[in-house]
């Protein structure tokens, strides 16, 4: 079990990396005029991406 790592560390890394990727994608979409870069959009995209990653990796 110790080799698997601490789940809390994995969840924090998942949230941080999801937020960074979601921010980059939203910035690009804002630059292209597709969607606005707002805090609610960033929060939703981060939560959706983190949940998707969690389900795919820990299924």
C-alpha atoms as a PDB file:
ATOM      1  CA  UNK A   1       0.000   0.000   0.000  1.00  0.00           C
ATOM      2  CA  UNK A   2       2.863   2.410   0.691  1.00  0.00           C
ATOM      3  CA  UNK A   3       4.046   2.080  -2.897  1.00  0.00           C
ATOM      4  CA  UNK A   4       0.746   3.418  -4.241  1.00  0.00           C
ATOM      5  CA  UNK A   5       1.307   6.835  -2.688  1.00  0.00           C
ATOM      6  CA  UNK A   6      -0.883   9.022  -0.556  1.00  0.00           C
ATOM      7  CA  UNK A   7      -4.271   9.615  -2.184  1.00  0.00           C
ATOM      8  CA  UNK A   8      -4.365  13.194  -0.846  1.00  0.00           C
ATOM      9  CA  UNK A   9      -1.169  14.062  -2.689  1.00  0.00           C
ATOM     10  CA  UNK A  10      -2.555  12.535  -5.869  1.00  0.00           C
ATOM     11  CA  UNK A  11      -5.794  14.493  -5.545  1.00  0.00           C
ATOM     12  CA  UNK A  12      -3.976  17.797  -4.956  1.00  0.00           C
ATOM     13  CA  UNK A  13      -1.707  17.173  -7.944  1.00  0.00           C
ATOM     14  CA  UNK A  14      -4.764  16.273 -10.018  1.00  0.00           C
ATOM     15  CA  UNK A  15      -6.477  19.538  -9.063  1.00  0.00           C
ATOM     16  CA  UNK A  16      -3.381  21.666  -9.683  1.00  0.00           C
ATOM     17  CA  UNK A  17      -2.613  20.134 -13.058  1.00  0.00           C
ATOM     18  CA  UNK A  18      -6.274  20.207 -14.079  1.00  0.00           C
ATOM     19  CA  UNK A  19      -6.478  23.891 -13.144  1.00  0.00           C
ATOM     20  CA  UNK A  20      -3.343  24.690 -15.116  1.00  0.00           C
ATOM     21  CA  UNK A  21      -4.559  22.830 -18.196  1.00  0.00           C
ATOM     22  CA  UNK A  22      -8.074  24.254 -17.932  1.00  0.00           C
ATOM     23  CA  UNK A  23      -6.626  27.749 -17.578  1.00  0.00           C
ATOM     24  CA  UNK A  24      -4.493  27.295 -20.667  1.00  0.00           C
ATOM     25  CA  UNK A  25      -7.423  25.963 -22.694  1.00  0.00           C
ATOM     26  CA  UNK A  26      -9.746  28.736 -21.493  1.00  0.00           C
ATOM     27  CA  UNK A  27      -7.119  31.363 -22.270  1.00  0.00           C
ATOM     28  CA  UNK A  28      -6.858  29.992 -25.811  1.00  0.00           C
ATOM     29  CA  UNK A  29     -10.622  29.915 -26.178  1.00  0.00           C
ATOM     30  CA  UNK A  30     -10.862  33.489 -24.877  1.00  0.00           C
ATOM     31  CA  UNK A  31      -8.150  34.554 -27.315  1.00  0.00           C
ATOM     32  CA  UNK A  32     -10.079  32.928 -30.172  1.00  0.00           C
ATOM     33  CA  UNK A  33     -13.355  34.481 -29.014  1.00  0.00           C
ATOM     34  CA  UNK A  34     -15.045  31.157 -28.293  1.00  0.00           C
ATOM     35  CA  UNK A  35     -15.513  31.459 -24.506  1.00  0.00           C
ATOM     36  CA  UNK A  36     -14.752  33.985 -21.780  1.00  0.00           C
ATOM     37  CA  UNK A  37     -11.985  33.435 -19.264  1.00  0.00           C
ATOM     38  CA  UNK A  38     -13.910  33.862 -16.019  1.00  0.00           C
ATOM     39  CA  UNK A  39     -13.503  32.342 -12.575  1.00  0.00           C
ATOM     40  CA  UNK A  40     -16.738  30.283 -12.804  1.00  0.00           C
ATOM     41  CA  UNK A  41     -15.670  28.904 -16.191  1.00  0.00           C
ATOM     42  CA  UNK A  42     -12.235  28.052 -14.806  1.00  0.00           C
ATOM     43  CA  UNK A  43     -13.738  26.386 -11.727  1.00  0.00           C
ATOM     44  CA  UNK A  44     -16.169  24.323 -13.809  1.00  0.00           C
ATOM     45  CA  UNK A  45     -13.515  23.257 -16.307  1.00  0.00           C
ATOM     46  CA  UNK A  46     -11.111  22.345 -13.503  1.00  0.00           C
ATOM     47  CA  UNK A  47     -13.738  20.306 -11.648  1.00  0.00           C
ATOM     48  CA  UNK A  48     -14.843  18.512 -14.809  1.00  0.00           C
ATOM     49  CA  UNK A  49     -11.303  17.700 -15.876  1.00  0.00           C
ATOM     50  CA  UNK A  50     -10.281  16.572 -12.371  1.00  0.00           C
ATOM     51  CA  UNK A  51     -13.356  14.338 -12.095  1.00  0.00           C
ATOM     52  CA  UNK A  52     -12.733  12.829 -15.514  1.00  0.00           C
ATOM     53  CA  UNK A  53      -9.096  12.180 -14.640  1.00  0.00           C
ATOM     54  CA  UNK A  54     -10.076  10.623 -11.303  1.00  0.00           C
ATOM     55  CA  UNK A  55     -12.599   8.288 -12.934  1.00  0.00           C
ATOM     56  CA  UNK A  56     -10.273   7.222 -15.738  1.00  0.00           C
ATOM     57  CA  UNK A  57      -7.203   6.674 -13.573  1.00  0.00           C
ATOM     58  CA  UNK A  58      -8.800   5.153 -10.460  1.00  0.00           C
ATOM     59  CA  UNK A  59     -11.576   3.073 -12.015  1.00  0.00           C
END
